[in-house]
Amino acid sequence: MATILLVFGLLGAIALLLIVTLLRRSNSPTQHVEGLRIEQSRREQARSDRASYSALAARNVPYTRR
């Protein structure tokens, strides 16, 4: 019984540590020019990917006959 409580206690401590770590992170935008350029590049790539791989884009392929 003590072993089970110890395991659950360790799992709870790890979960608590992860929660605290994630909550302490700030979601503030990058202040440096290089970081801003990287963020802008990633945003543009994500927008392009969403447009390219959407359901409408996938179905907008011309029908080909065999």
N, C-alpha and C. Protein backbone atom coordinates (compact mmCIF):
# COMPACT_ATOMS: atom_id res chain seq x y z
N MET A 1 0.83 -1.20 0.00
CA MET A 1 0.00 0.00 0.00
C MET A 1 0.87 1.25 0.00
N ALA A 2 1.94 1.20 0.78
CA ALA A 2 2.83 2.35 0.85
C ALA A 2 3.49 2.61 -0.50
N THR A 3 3.78 1.54 -1.23
CA THR A 3 4.41 1.69 -2.55
C THR A 3 3.47 2.40 -3.52
N ILE A 4 2.21 2.02 -3.49
CA ILE A 4 1.24 2.66 -4.38
C ILE A 4 1.09 4.14 -4.05
N LEU A 5 1.04 4.45 -2.77
CA LEU A 5 0.95 5.86 -2.36
C LEU A 5 2.19 6.63 -2.77
N LEU A 6 3.35 5.99 -2.66
CA LEU A 6 4.59 6.63 -3.08
C LEU A 6 4.59 6.91 -4.58
N VAL A 7 4.15 5.95 -5.37
CA VAL A 7 4.10 6.14 -6.83
C VAL A 7 3.14 7.26 -7.19
N PHE A 8 1.94 7.24 -6.59
CA PHE A 8 0.98 8.32 -6.88
C PHE A 8 1.49 9.67 -6.39
N GLY A 9 2.18 9.67 -5.28
CA GLY A 9 2.77 10.92 -4.78
C GLY A 9 3.81 11.47 -5.73
N LEU A 10 4.67 10.59 -6.28
CA LEU A 10 5.68 11.02 -7.25
C LEU A 10 5.03 11.52 -8.53
N LEU A 11 4.01 10.82 -9.00
CA LEU A 11 3.31 11.27 -10.21
C LEU A 11 2.65 12.62 -9.98
N GLY A 12 2.06 12.80 -8.82
CA GLY A 12 1.45 14.09 -8.50
C GLY A 12 2.47 15.20 -8.42
N ALA A 13 3.64 14.91 -7.83
CA ALA A 13 4.70 15.92 -7.74
C ALA A 13 5.21 16.30 -9.12
N ILE A 14 5.37 15.31 -9.99
CA ILE A 14 5.84 15.59 -11.36
C ILE A 14 4.79 16.43 -12.10
N ALA A 15 3.52 16.07 -11.96
CA ALA A 15 2.46 16.84 -12.62
C ALA A 15 2.43 18.27 -12.11
N LEU A 16 2.57 18.43 -10.81
CA LEU A 16 2.58 19.77 -10.24
C LEU A 16 3.77 20.58 -10.75
N LEU A 17 4.92 19.95 -10.84
CA LEU A 17 6.12 20.63 -11.36
C LEU A 17 5.91 21.06 -12.81
N LEU A 18 5.30 20.20 -13.62
CA LEU A 18 5.04 20.55 -15.02
C LEU A 18 4.04 21.70 -15.13
N ILE A 19 3.01 21.68 -14.31
CA ILE A 19 2.01 22.75 -14.34
C ILE A 19 2.64 24.08 -13.95
N VAL A 20 3.44 24.07 -12.88
CA VAL A 20 4.09 25.30 -12.43
C VAL A 20 5.05 25.82 -13.51
N THR A 21 5.79 24.91 -14.13
CA THR A 21 6.74 25.31 -15.18
C THR A 21 6.00 25.95 -16.35
N LEU A 22 4.90 25.35 -16.77
CA LEU A 22 4.15 25.90 -17.91
C LEU A 22 3.50 27.23 -17.57
N LEU A 23 3.03 27.38 -16.34
CA LEU A 23 2.38 28.63 -15.96
C LEU A 23 3.38 29.77 -15.79
N ARG A 24 4.62 29.43 -15.47
CA ARG A 24 5.63 30.48 -15.28
C ARG A 24 6.15 31.03 -16.60
N ARG A 25 5.98 30.26 -17.66
CA ARG A 25 6.45 30.75 -18.96
C ARG A 25 5.61 31.95 -19.37
N SER A 26 6.27 32.92 -19.95
CA SER A 26 5.52 34.08 -20.43
C SER A 26 5.23 33.89 -21.92
N ASN A 27 4.07 34.30 -22.32
CA ASN A 27 3.69 34.21 -23.72
C ASN A 27 3.86 35.55 -24.42
N SER A 28 4.77 36.33 -23.91
CA SER A 28 4.99 37.64 -24.51
C SER A 28 5.70 37.49 -25.85
N PRO A 29 5.42 38.37 -26.78
CA PRO A 29 6.07 38.29 -28.08
C PRO A 29 7.57 38.60 -27.97
N THR A 30 8.29 38.14 -28.95
CA THR A 30 9.73 38.36 -28.99
C THR A 30 10.04 39.83 -29.20
N GLN A 31 11.08 40.32 -28.56
CA GLN A 31 11.44 41.72 -28.66
C GLN A 31 12.57 41.97 -29.65
N HIS A 32 13.33 40.94 -30.01
CA HIS A 32 14.47 41.12 -30.90
C HIS A 32 14.04 41.02 -32.35
N VAL A 33 14.76 41.72 -33.22
CA VAL A 33 14.40 41.78 -34.64
C VAL A 33 14.46 40.39 -35.27
N GLU A 34 15.50 39.62 -34.97
CA GLU A 34 15.61 38.29 -35.56
C GLU A 34 14.46 37.40 -35.12
N GLY A 35 14.11 37.49 -33.84
CA GLY A 35 12.99 36.70 -33.34
C GLY A 35 11.68 37.09 -34.00
N LEU A 36 11.49 38.40 -34.22
CA LEU A 36 10.27 38.87 -34.88
C LEU A 36 10.21 38.38 -36.32
N ARG A 37 11.35 38.37 -37.00
CA ARG A 37 11.39 37.87 -38.38
C ARG A 37 11.08 36.38 -38.43
N ILE A 38 11.61 35.63 -37.47
CA ILE A 38 11.34 34.19 -37.43
C ILE A 38 9.87 33.95 -37.16
N GLU A 39 9.28 34.69 -36.22
CA GLU A 39 7.86 34.54 -35.92
C GLU A 39 7.01 34.87 -37.14
N GLN A 40 7.36 35.93 -37.85
CA GLN A 40 6.60 36.33 -39.03
C GLN A 40 6.71 35.24 -40.11
N SER A 41 7.89 34.71 -40.30
CA SER A 41 8.10 33.65 -41.28
C SER A 41 7.26 32.41 -40.94
N ARG A 42 7.25 32.03 -39.67
CA ARG A 42 6.48 30.86 -39.24
C ARG A 42 4.97 31.10 -39.41
N ARG A 43 4.53 32.31 -39.11
CA ARG A 43 3.11 32.65 -39.28
C ARG A 43 2.70 32.56 -40.75
N GLU A 44 3.55 33.10 -41.63
CA GLU A 44 3.24 33.06 -43.06
C GLU A 44 3.25 31.62 -43.57
N GLN A 45 4.19 30.81 -43.09
CA GLN A 45 4.24 29.41 -43.50
C GLN A 45 3.00 28.66 -43.01
N ALA A 46 2.58 28.92 -41.80
CA ALA A 46 1.38 28.27 -41.26
C ALA A 46 0.14 28.67 -42.06
N ARG A 47 0.04 29.95 -42.42
CA ARG A 47 -1.09 30.41 -43.21
C ARG A 47 -1.10 29.73 -44.58
N SER A 48 0.06 29.62 -45.18
CA SER A 48 0.17 28.97 -46.47
C SER A 48 -0.18 27.48 -46.38
N ASP A 49 0.28 26.83 -45.31
CA ASP A 49 -0.02 25.41 -45.13
C ASP A 49 -1.51 25.18 -44.92
N ARG A 50 -2.15 26.07 -44.14
CA ARG A 50 -3.59 25.92 -43.91
C ARG A 50 -4.36 26.05 -45.22
N ALA A 51 -3.91 26.95 -46.08
CA ALA A 51 -4.59 27.13 -47.36
C ALA A 51 -4.31 25.96 -48.30
N SER A 52 -3.09 25.45 -48.27
CA SER A 52 -2.70 24.38 -49.19
C SER A 52 -3.31 23.04 -48.83
N TYR A 53 -3.45 22.77 -47.55
CA TYR A 53 -3.89 21.45 -47.11
C TYR A 53 -5.32 21.44 -46.58
N SER A 54 -6.10 22.44 -46.92
CA SER A 54 -7.48 22.46 -46.46
C SER A 54 -8.31 21.48 -47.29
N ALA A 55 -9.52 21.20 -46.83
CA ALA A 55 -10.39 20.27 -47.53
C ALA A 55 -10.75 20.81 -48.91
N LEU A 56 -10.97 22.12 -49.01
CA LEU A 56 -11.30 22.69 -50.32
C LEU A 56 -10.14 22.58 -51.29
N ALA A 57 -8.93 22.80 -50.81
CA ALA A 57 -7.77 22.70 -51.69
C ALA A 57 -7.55 21.27 -52.14
N ALA A 58 -7.82 20.32 -51.26
CA ALA A 58 -7.64 18.91 -51.61
C ALA A 58 -8.67 18.47 -52.63
N ARG A 59 -9.88 19.01 -52.57
CA ARG A 59 -10.95 18.61 -53.50
C ARG A 59 -10.95 19.44 -54.78
N ASN A 60 -10.13 20.45 -54.85
CA ASN A 60 -10.10 21.33 -56.00
C ASN A 60 -9.13 20.81 -57.07
N VAL A 61 -8.86 19.53 -57.06
CA VAL A 61 -7.95 18.94 -58.03
C VAL A 61 -8.77 18.54 -59.25
N PRO A 62 -8.30 18.86 -60.43
CA PRO A 62 -9.08 18.49 -61.62
C PRO A 62 -9.21 16.97 -61.74
N TYR A 63 -10.36 16.55 -62.21
CA TYR A 63 -10.62 15.14 -62.37
C TYR A 63 -9.78 14.58 -63.52
N THR A 64 -9.15 13.48 -63.31
CA THR A 64 -8.34 12.86 -64.37
C THR A 64 -8.93 11.51 -64.74
N ARG A 65 -8.98 11.24 -66.02
CA ARG A 65 -9.49 9.95 -66.48
C ARG A 65 -8.34 9.03 -66.75
N ARG A 66 -8.58 7.77 -66.55
CA ARG A 66 -7.53 6.78 -66.80
C ARG A 66 -7.65 6.21 -68.16
